[in-house]
Amino acid sequence: DTVVIYDRIRELLRRYKRMPMPDLLNASIN
């Protein structure tokens, strides 16, 4: 379950370079 969320986090880290980290984590979990 953690790896699934981490994989989405890594994907969004490459896509959104300046999105605040809390917002990016929320987007990945949702």
PDB file of all heavy atoms in Angstrom:
ATOM      1  N   ASP A   1       0.821  -1.202   0.000  1.00  0.00           N
ATOM      2  CA  ASP A   1       0.000   0.000   0.000  1.00  0.00           C
ATOM      3  C   ASP A   1       0.858   1.256   0.000  1.00  0.00           C
ATOM      4  O   ASP A   1       0.551   2.244  -0.678  1.00  0.00           O
ATOM      5  CB  ASP A   1      -0.918  -0.024   1.222  1.00  0.00           C
ATOM      6  CG  ASP A   1      -2.079   0.942   1.090  1.00  0.00           C
ATOM      7  OD1 ASP A   1      -2.498   1.199  -0.046  1.00  0.00           O
ATOM      8  OD2 ASP A   1      -2.567   1.442   2.119  1.00  0.00           O
ATOM      9  N   THR A   2       1.960   1.235   0.737  1.00  0.00           N
ATOM     10  CA  THR A   2       2.848   2.396   0.786  1.00  0.00           C
ATOM     11  C   THR A   2       3.535   2.632  -0.548  1.00  0.00           C
ATOM     12  O   THR A   2       3.662   3.779  -0.996  1.00  0.00           O
ATOM     13  CB  THR A   2       3.903   2.196   1.889  1.00  0.00           C
ATOM     14  OG1 THR A   2       3.248   2.010   3.147  1.00  0.00           O
ATOM     15  CG2 THR A   2       4.830   3.390   1.986  1.00  0.00           C
ATOM     16  N   VAL A   3       3.969   1.561  -1.206  1.00  0.00           N
ATOM     17  CA  VAL A   3       4.667   1.703  -2.487  1.00  0.00           C
ATOM     18  C   VAL A   3       3.731   2.271  -3.554  1.00  0.00           C
ATOM     19  O   VAL A   3       4.158   3.057  -4.410  1.00  0.00           O
ATOM     20  CB  VAL A   3       5.256   0.345  -2.920  1.00  0.00           C
ATOM     21  CG1 VAL A   3       5.676   0.381  -4.380  1.00  0.00           C
ATOM     22  CG2 VAL A   3       6.455  -0.008  -2.056  1.00  0.00           C
ATOM     23  N   VAL A   4       2.463   1.894  -3.528  1.00  0.00           N
ATOM     24  CA  VAL A   4       1.504   2.442  -4.498  1.00  0.00           C
ATOM     25  C   VAL A   4       1.418   3.962  -4.349  1.00  0.00           C
ATOM     26  O   VAL A   4       1.440   4.703  -5.341  1.00  0.00           O
ATOM     27  CB  VAL A   4       0.127   1.786  -4.304  1.00  0.00           C
ATOM     28  CG1 VAL A   4      -0.939   2.517  -5.110  1.00  0.00           C
ATOM     29  CG2 VAL A   4       0.165   0.328  -4.723  1.00  0.00           C
ATOM     30  N   ILE A   5       1.319   4.431  -3.103  1.00  0.00           N
ATOM     31  CA  ILE A   5       1.250   5.876  -2.880  1.00  0.00           C
ATOM     32  C   ILE A   5       2.585   6.542  -3.228  1.00  0.00           C
ATOM     33  O   ILE A   5       2.619   7.613  -3.849  1.00  0.00           O
ATOM     34  CB  ILE A   5       0.872   6.166  -1.414  1.00  0.00           C
ATOM     35  CG1 ILE A   5      -0.511   5.582  -1.110  1.00  0.00           C
ATOM     36  CG2 ILE A   5       0.884   7.668  -1.139  1.00  0.00           C
ATOM     37  CD1 ILE A   5      -0.939   5.748   0.327  1.00  0.00           C
ATOM     38  N   TYR A   6       3.690   5.904  -2.867  1.00  0.00           N
ATOM     39  CA  TYR A   6       5.009   6.473  -3.174  1.00  0.00           C
ATOM     40  C   TYR A   6       5.237   6.574  -4.678  1.00  0.00           C
ATOM     41  O   TYR A   6       5.865   7.531  -5.152  1.00  0.00           O
ATOM     42  CB  TYR A   6       6.100   5.609  -2.539  1.00  0.00           C
ATOM     43  CG  TYR A   6       6.381   5.925  -1.085  1.00  0.00           C
ATOM     44  CD1 TYR A   6       5.630   6.868  -0.395  1.00  0.00           C
ATOM     45  CD2 TYR A   6       7.406   5.286  -0.395  1.00  0.00           C
ATOM     46  CE1 TYR A   6       5.885   7.151   0.925  1.00  0.00           C
ATOM     47  CE2 TYR A   6       7.678   5.570   0.935  1.00  0.00           C
ATOM     48  CZ  TYR A   6       6.916   6.505   1.589  1.00  0.00           C
ATOM     49  OH  TYR A   6       7.180   6.794   2.898  1.00  0.00           O
ATOM     50  N   ASP A   7       4.772   5.606  -5.421  1.00  0.00           N
ATOM     51  CA  ASP A   7       4.949   5.658  -6.866  1.00  0.00           C
ATOM     52  C   ASP A   7       4.196   6.842  -7.463  1.00  0.00           C
ATOM     53  O   ASP A   7       4.699   7.514  -8.377  1.00  0.00           O
ATOM     54  CB  ASP A   7       4.463   4.347  -7.486  1.00  0.00           C
ATOM     55  CG  ASP A   7       4.892   4.211  -8.930  1.00  0.00           C
ATOM     56  OD1 ASP A   7       6.100   4.222  -9.213  1.00  0.00           O
ATOM     57  OD2 ASP A   7       3.999   4.104  -9.804  1.00  0.00           O
ATOM     58  N   ARG A   8       2.988   7.116  -6.957  1.00  0.00           N
ATOM     59  CA  ARG A   8       2.246   8.279  -7.444  1.00  0.00           C
ATOM     60  C   ARG A   8       2.935   9.577  -7.003  1.00  0.00           C
ATOM     61  O   ARG A   8       2.971  10.555  -7.763  1.00  0.00           O
ATOM     62  CB  ARG A   8       0.814   8.219  -6.921  1.00  0.00           C
ATOM     63  CG  ARG A   8      -0.066   9.372  -7.423  1.00  0.00           C
ATOM     64  CD  ARG A   8      -0.072   9.442  -8.939  1.00  0.00           C
ATOM     65  NE  ARG A   8      -0.588   8.234  -9.532  1.00  0.00           N
ATOM     66  CZ  ARG A   8      -1.873   8.060  -9.861  1.00  0.00           C
ATOM     67  NH1 ARG A   8      -2.741   9.031  -9.643  1.00  0.00           N
ATOM     68  NH2 ARG A   8      -2.270   6.935 -10.421  1.00  0.00           N
ATOM     69  N   ILE A   9       3.495   9.593  -5.807  1.00  0.00           N
ATOM     70  CA  ILE A   9       4.221  10.787  -5.345  1.00  0.00           C
ATOM     71  C   ILE A   9       5.415  11.057  -6.250  1.00  0.00           C
ATOM     72  O   ILE A   9       5.657  12.208  -6.659  1.00  0.00           O
ATOM     73  CB  ILE A   9       4.678  10.595  -3.887  1.00  0.00           C
ATOM     74  CG1 ILE A   9       3.478  10.571  -2.944  1.00  0.00           C
ATOM     75  CG2 ILE A   9       5.643  11.706  -3.472  1.00  0.00           C
ATOM     76  CD1 ILE A   9       3.834  10.219  -1.510  1.00  0.00           C
ATOM     77  N   ARG A  10       6.158  10.024  -6.591  1.00  0.00           N
ATOM     78  CA  ARG A  10       7.319  10.209  -7.456  1.00  0.00           C
ATOM     79  C   ARG A  10       6.897  10.712  -8.842  1.00  0.00           C
ATOM     80  O   ARG A  10       7.573  11.559  -9.442  1.00  0.00           O
ATOM     81  CB  ARG A  10       8.077   8.890  -7.590  1.00  0.00           C
ATOM     82  CG  ARG A  10       9.351   9.001  -8.401  1.00  0.00           C
ATOM     83  CD  ARG A  10      10.107   7.702  -8.432  1.00  0.00           C
ATOM     84  NE  ARG A  10       9.316   6.624  -9.024  1.00  0.00           N
ATOM     85  CZ  ARG A  10       9.789   5.416  -9.284  1.00  0.00           C
ATOM     86  NH1 ARG A  10      11.044   5.129  -8.987  1.00  0.00           N
ATOM     87  NH2 ARG A  10       9.028   4.485  -9.812  1.00  0.00           N
ATOM     88  N   GLU A  11       5.775  10.210  -9.334  1.00  0.00           N
ATOM     89  CA  GLU A  11       5.278  10.667 -10.636  1.00  0.00           C
ATOM     90  C   GLU A  11       4.917  12.149 -10.602  1.00  0.00           C
ATOM     91  O   GLU A  11       5.255  12.908 -11.529  1.00  0.00           O
ATOM     92  CB  GLU A  11       4.062   9.830 -11.027  1.00  0.00           C
ATOM     93  CG  GLU A  11       3.403  10.258 -12.323  1.00  0.00           C
ATOM     94  CD  GLU A  11       2.134   9.474 -12.604  1.00  0.00           C
ATOM     95  OE1 GLU A  11       1.918   8.433 -11.936  1.00  0.00           O
ATOM     96  OE2 GLU A  11       1.358   9.900 -13.464  1.00  0.00           O
ATOM     97  N   LEU A  12       4.234  12.574  -9.533  1.00  0.00           N
ATOM     98  CA  LEU A  12       3.838  13.977  -9.448  1.00  0.00           C
ATOM     99  C   LEU A  12       5.031  14.885  -9.155  1.00  0.00           C
ATOM    100  O   LEU A  12       5.018  16.058  -9.531  1.00  0.00           O
ATOM    101  CB  LEU A  12       2.772  14.143  -8.365  1.00  0.00           C
ATOM    102  CG  LEU A  12       1.435  13.429  -8.632  1.00  0.00           C
ATOM    103  CD1 LEU A  12       0.419  13.787  -7.560  1.00  0.00           C
ATOM    104  CD2 LEU A  12       0.894  13.759 -10.015  1.00  0.00           C
ATOM    105  N   LEU A  13       6.058  14.367  -8.492  1.00  0.00           N
ATOM    106  CA  LEU A  13       7.259  15.166  -8.268  1.00  0.00           C
ATOM    107  C   LEU A  13       7.937  15.546  -9.583  1.00  0.00           C
ATOM    108  O   LEU A  13       8.518  16.624  -9.713  1.00  0.00           O
ATOM    109  CB  LEU A  13       8.250  14.394  -7.388  1.00  0.00           C
ATOM    110  CG  LEU A  13       7.965  14.364  -5.884  1.00  0.00           C
ATOM    111  CD1 LEU A  13       8.919  13.402  -5.184  1.00  0.00           C
ATOM    112  CD2 LEU A  13       8.101  15.756  -5.283  1.00  0.00           C
ATOM    113  N   ARG A  14       7.871  14.649 -10.548  1.00  0.00           N
ATOM    114  CA  ARG A  14       8.466  14.946 -11.856  1.00  0.00           C
ATOM    115  C   ARG A  14       7.580  15.882 -12.673  1.00  0.00           C
ATOM    116  O   ARG A  14       8.079  16.646 -13.498  1.00  0.00           O
ATOM    117  CB  ARG A  14       8.668  13.648 -12.629  1.00  0.00           C
ATOM    118  CG  ARG A  14       9.675  12.699 -11.991  1.00  0.00           C
ATOM    119  CD  ARG A  14       9.671  11.368 -12.696  1.00  0.00           C
ATOM    120  NE  ARG A  14      10.655  10.444 -12.128  1.00  0.00           N
ATOM    121  CZ  ARG A  14      10.763   9.170 -12.467  1.00  0.00           C
ATOM    122  NH1 ARG A  14       9.940   8.662 -13.387  1.00  0.00           N
ATOM    123  NH2 ARG A  14      11.672   8.390 -11.900  1.00  0.00           N
ATOM    124  N   ARG A  15       6.291  15.835 -12.441  1.00  0.00           N
ATOM    125  CA  ARG A  15       5.375  16.613 -13.263  1.00  0.00           C
ATOM    126  C   ARG A  15       5.201  18.037 -12.739  1.00  0.00           C
ATOM    127  O   ARG A  15       5.177  19.000 -13.520  1.00  0.00           O
ATOM    128  CB  ARG A  15       4.020  15.919 -13.317  1.00  0.00           C
ATOM    129  CG  ARG A  15       3.010  16.630 -14.207  1.00  0.00           C
ATOM    130  CD  ARG A  15       1.666  15.909 -14.186  1.00  0.00           C
ATOM    131  NE  ARG A  15       1.799  14.525 -14.588  1.00  0.00           N
ATOM    132  CZ  ARG A  15       0.777  13.659 -14.592  1.00  0.00           C
ATOM    133  NH1 ARG A  15      -0.419  14.052 -14.189  1.00  0.00           N
ATOM    134  NH2 ARG A  15       0.969  12.420 -14.980  1.00  0.00           N
ATOM    135  N   TYR A  16       5.034  18.173 -11.428  1.00  0.00           N
ATOM    136  CA  TYR A  16       4.782  19.480 -10.828  1.00  0.00           C
ATOM    137  C   TYR A  16       6.015  19.896 -10.028  1.00  0.00           C
ATOM    138  O   TYR A  16       6.220  19.457  -8.906  1.00  0.00           O
ATOM    139  CB  TYR A  16       3.556  19.436  -9.927  1.00  0.00           C
ATOM    140  CG  TYR A  16       2.318  18.967 -10.646  1.00  0.00           C
ATOM    141  CD1 TYR A  16       1.790  17.703 -10.396  1.00  0.00           C
ATOM    142  CD2 TYR A  16       1.685  19.786 -11.574  1.00  0.00           C
ATOM    143  CE1 TYR A  16       0.663  17.264 -11.061  1.00  0.00           C
ATOM    144  CE2 TYR A  16       0.553  19.357 -12.242  1.00  0.00           C
ATOM    145  CZ  TYR A  16       0.051  18.093 -11.980  1.00  0.00           C
ATOM    146  OH  TYR A  16      -1.065  17.662 -12.644  1.00  0.00           O
ATOM    147  N   LYS A  17       6.812  20.764 -10.636  1.00  0.00           N
ATOM    148  CA  LYS A  17       8.104  21.099 -10.051  1.00  0.00           C
ATOM    149  C   LYS A  17       7.984  22.057  -8.872  1.00  0.00           C
ATOM    150  O   LYS A  17       8.842  22.048  -7.989  1.00  0.00           O
ATOM    151  CB  LYS A  17       9.013  21.727 -11.109  1.00  0.00           C
ATOM    152  CG  LYS A  17       9.256  20.847 -12.333  1.00  0.00           C
ATOM    153  CD  LYS A  17      10.031  19.611 -11.962  1.00  0.00           C
ATOM    154  CE  LYS A  17      10.377  18.790 -13.196  1.00  0.00           C
ATOM    155  NZ  LYS A  17      11.126  17.570 -12.862  1.00  0.00           N
ATOM    156  N   ARG A  18       6.964  22.884  -8.849  1.00  0.00           N
ATOM    157  CA  ARG A  18       6.888  23.907  -7.818  1.00  0.00           C
ATOM    158  C   ARG A  18       5.629  23.811  -6.964  1.00  0.00           C
ATOM    159  O   ARG A  18       5.325  24.736  -6.221  1.00  0.00           O
ATOM    160  CB  ARG A  18       6.977  25.290  -8.447  1.00  0.00           C
ATOM    161  CG  ARG A  18       8.318  25.534  -9.119  1.00  0.00           C
ATOM    162  CD  ARG A  18       8.474  26.938  -9.620  1.00  0.00           C
ATOM    163  NE  ARG A  18       9.766  27.119 -10.265  1.00  0.00           N
ATOM    164  CZ  ARG A  18      10.160  28.247 -10.831  1.00  0.00           C
ATOM    165  NH1 ARG A  18       9.358  29.306 -10.821  1.00  0.00           N
ATOM    166  NH2 ARG A  18      11.341  28.330 -11.404  1.00  0.00           N
ATOM    167  N   MET A  19       4.905  22.733  -7.070  1.00  0.00           N
ATOM    168  CA  MET A  19       3.749  22.540  -6.200  1.00  0.00           C
ATOM    169  C   MET A  19       4.232  22.309  -4.765  1.00  0.00           C
ATOM    170  O   MET A  19       5.162  21.538  -4.544  1.00  0.00           O
ATOM    171  CB  MET A  19       2.914  21.336  -6.659  1.00  0.00           C
ATOM    172  CG  MET A  19       1.710  21.049  -5.768  1.00  0.00           C
ATOM    173  SD  MET A  19       0.802  19.559  -6.276  1.00  0.00           S
ATOM    174  CE  MET A  19       0.063  20.137  -7.795  1.00  0.00           C
ATOM    175  N   PRO A  20       3.630  22.956  -3.772  1.00  0.00           N
ATOM    176  CA  PRO A  20       4.033  22.714  -2.375  1.00  0.00           C
ATOM    177  C   PRO A  20       3.910  21.237  -2.024  1.00  0.00           C
ATOM    178  O   PRO A  20       2.988  20.552  -2.459  1.00  0.00           O
ATOM    179  CB  PRO A  20       3.053  23.580  -1.575  1.00  0.00           C
ATOM    180  CG  PRO A  20       2.618  24.649  -2.534  1.00  0.00           C
ATOM    181  CD  PRO A  20       2.605  24.004  -3.893  1.00  0.00           C
ATOM    182  N   MET A  21       4.858  20.758  -1.231  1.00  0.00           N
ATOM    183  CA  MET A  21       4.906  19.334  -0.917  1.00  0.00           C
ATOM    184  C   MET A  21       3.640  18.820  -0.235  1.00  0.00           C
ATOM    185  O   MET A  21       3.154  17.738  -0.581  1.00  0.00           O
ATOM    186  CB  MET A  21       6.135  19.043  -0.058  1.00  0.00           C
ATOM    187  CG  MET A  21       6.522  17.575  -0.017  1.00  0.00           C
ATOM    188  SD  MET A  21       6.937  16.954  -1.660  1.00  0.00           S
ATOM    189  CE  MET A  21       7.090  15.201  -1.319  1.00  0.00           C
ATOM    190  N   PRO A  22       3.041  19.523   0.723  1.00  0.00           N
ATOM    191  CA  PRO A  22       1.790  19.021   1.299  1.00  0.00           C
ATOM    192  C   PRO A  22       0.679  18.858   0.274  1.00  0.00           C
ATOM    193  O   PRO A  22      -0.072  17.880   0.308  1.00  0.00           O
ATOM    194  CB  PRO A  22       1.438  20.082   2.354  1.00  0.00           C
ATOM    195  CG  PRO A  22       2.748  20.678   2.732  1.00  0.00           C
ATOM    196  CD  PRO A  22       3.546  20.689   1.468  1.00  0.00           C
ATOM    197  N   ASP A  23       0.568  19.818  -0.666  1.00  0.00           N
ATOM    198  CA  ASP A  23      -0.455  19.699  -1.702  1.00  0.00           C
ATOM    199  C   ASP A  23      -0.178  18.515  -2.621  1.00  0.00           C
ATOM    200  O   ASP A  23      -1.101  17.812  -3.045  1.00  0.00           O
ATOM    201  CB  ASP A  23      -0.516  20.988  -2.525  1.00  0.00           C
ATOM    202  CG  ASP A  23      -0.966  22.181  -1.698  1.00  0.00           C
ATOM    203  OD1 ASP A  23      -1.579  21.960  -0.623  1.00  0.00           O
ATOM    204  OD2 ASP A  23      -0.702  23.323  -2.107  1.00  0.00           O
ATOM    205  N   LEU A  24       1.084  18.290  -2.925  1.00  0.00           N
ATOM    206  CA  LEU A  24       1.432  17.157  -3.786  1.00  0.00           C
ATOM    207  C   LEU A  24       1.131  15.824  -3.107  1.00  0.00           C
ATOM    208  O   LEU A  24       0.630  14.889  -3.744  1.00  0.00           O
ATOM    209  CB  LEU A  24       2.909  17.254  -4.162  1.00  0.00           C
ATOM    210  CG  LEU A  24       3.409  16.277  -5.222  1.00  0.00           C
ATOM    211  CD1 LEU A  24       4.431  16.966  -6.128  1.00  0.00           C
ATOM    212  CD2 LEU A  24       4.055  15.047  -4.608  1.00  0.00           C
ATOM    213  N   LEU A  25       1.399  15.724  -1.819  1.00  0.00           N
ATOM    214  CA  LEU A  25       1.088  14.491  -1.092  1.00  0.00           C
ATOM    215  C   LEU A  25      -0.415  14.272  -1.016  1.00  0.00           C
ATOM    216  O   LEU A  25      -0.894  13.138  -1.166  1.00  0.00           O
ATOM    217  CB  LEU A  25       1.695  14.553   0.311  1.00  0.00           C
ATOM    218  CG  LEU A  25       3.217  14.582   0.398  1.00  0.00           C
ATOM    219  CD1 LEU A  25       3.671  14.713   1.848  1.00  0.00           C
ATOM    220  CD2 LEU A  25       3.830  13.344  -0.228  1.00  0.00           C
ATOM    221  N   ASN A  26      -1.172  15.319  -0.795  1.00  0.00           N
ATOM    222  CA  ASN A  26      -2.625  15.191  -0.782  1.00  0.00           C
ATOM    223  C   ASN A  26      -3.147  14.711  -2.125  1.00  0.00           C
ATOM    224  O   ASN A  26      -4.030  13.848  -2.192  1.00  0.00           O
ATOM    225  CB  ASN A  26      -3.269  16.532  -0.424  1.00  0.00           C
ATOM    226  CG  ASN A  26      -3.218  16.831   1.054  1.00  0.00           C
ATOM    227  OD1 ASN A  26      -3.298  15.924   1.881  1.00  0.00           O
ATOM    228  ND2 ASN A  26      -3.064  18.103   1.395  1.00  0.00           N
ATOM    229  N   ALA A  27      -2.605  15.268  -3.208  1.00  0.00           N
ATOM    230  CA  ALA A  27      -3.034  14.850  -4.540  1.00  0.00           C
ATOM    231  C   ALA A  27      -2.708  13.377  -4.788  1.00  0.00           C
ATOM    232  O   ALA A  27      -3.505  12.643  -5.381  1.00  0.00           O
ATOM    233  CB  ALA A  27      -2.368  15.732  -5.598  1.00  0.00           C
ATOM    234  N   SER A  28      -1.552  12.916  -4.328  1.00  0.00           N
ATOM    235  CA  SER A  28      -1.162  11.517  -4.523  1.00  0.00           C
ATOM    236  C   SER A  28      -2.064  10.572  -3.744  1.00  0.00           C
ATOM    237  O   SER A  28      -2.507   9.532  -4.263  1.00  0.00           O
ATOM    238  CB  SER A  28       0.294  11.321  -4.077  1.00  0.00           C
ATOM    239  OG  SER A  28       1.162  12.179  -4.788  1.00  0.00           O
ATOM    240  N   ILE A  29      -2.376  10.905  -2.495  1.00  0.00           N
ATOM    241  CA  ILE A  29      -3.225  10.042  -1.682  1.00  0.00           C
ATOM    242  C   ILE A  29      -4.647  10.012  -2.228  1.00  0.00           C
ATOM    243  O   ILE A  29      -5.286   8.947  -2.312  1.00  0.00           O
ATOM    244  CB  ILE A  29      -3.211  10.509  -0.215  1.00  0.00           C
ATOM    245  CG1 ILE A  29      -1.802  10.384   0.364  1.00  0.00           C
ATOM    246  CG2 ILE A  29      -4.193   9.707   0.618  1.00  0.00           C
ATOM    247  CD1 ILE A  29      -1.662  10.966   1.749  1.00  0.00           C
ATOM    248  N   ASN A  30      -5.165  11.175  -2.627  1.00  0.00           N
ATOM    249  CA  ASN A  30      -6.522  11.211  -3.190  1.00  0.00           C
ATOM    250  C   ASN A  30      -6.612  10.438  -4.499  1.00  0.00           C
ATOM    251  O   ASN A  30      -7.644   9.823  -4.789  1.00  0.00           O
ATOM    252  CB  ASN A  30      -6.953  12.663  -3.404  1.00  0.00           C
ATOM    253  CG  ASN A  30      -7.377  13.339  -2.119  1.00  0.00           C
ATOM    254  OD1 ASN A  30      -8.384  12.986  -1.516  1.00  0.00           O
ATOM    255  ND2 ASN A  30      -6.608  14.322  -1.685  1.00  0.00           N
TER     256      ASN A  30
END
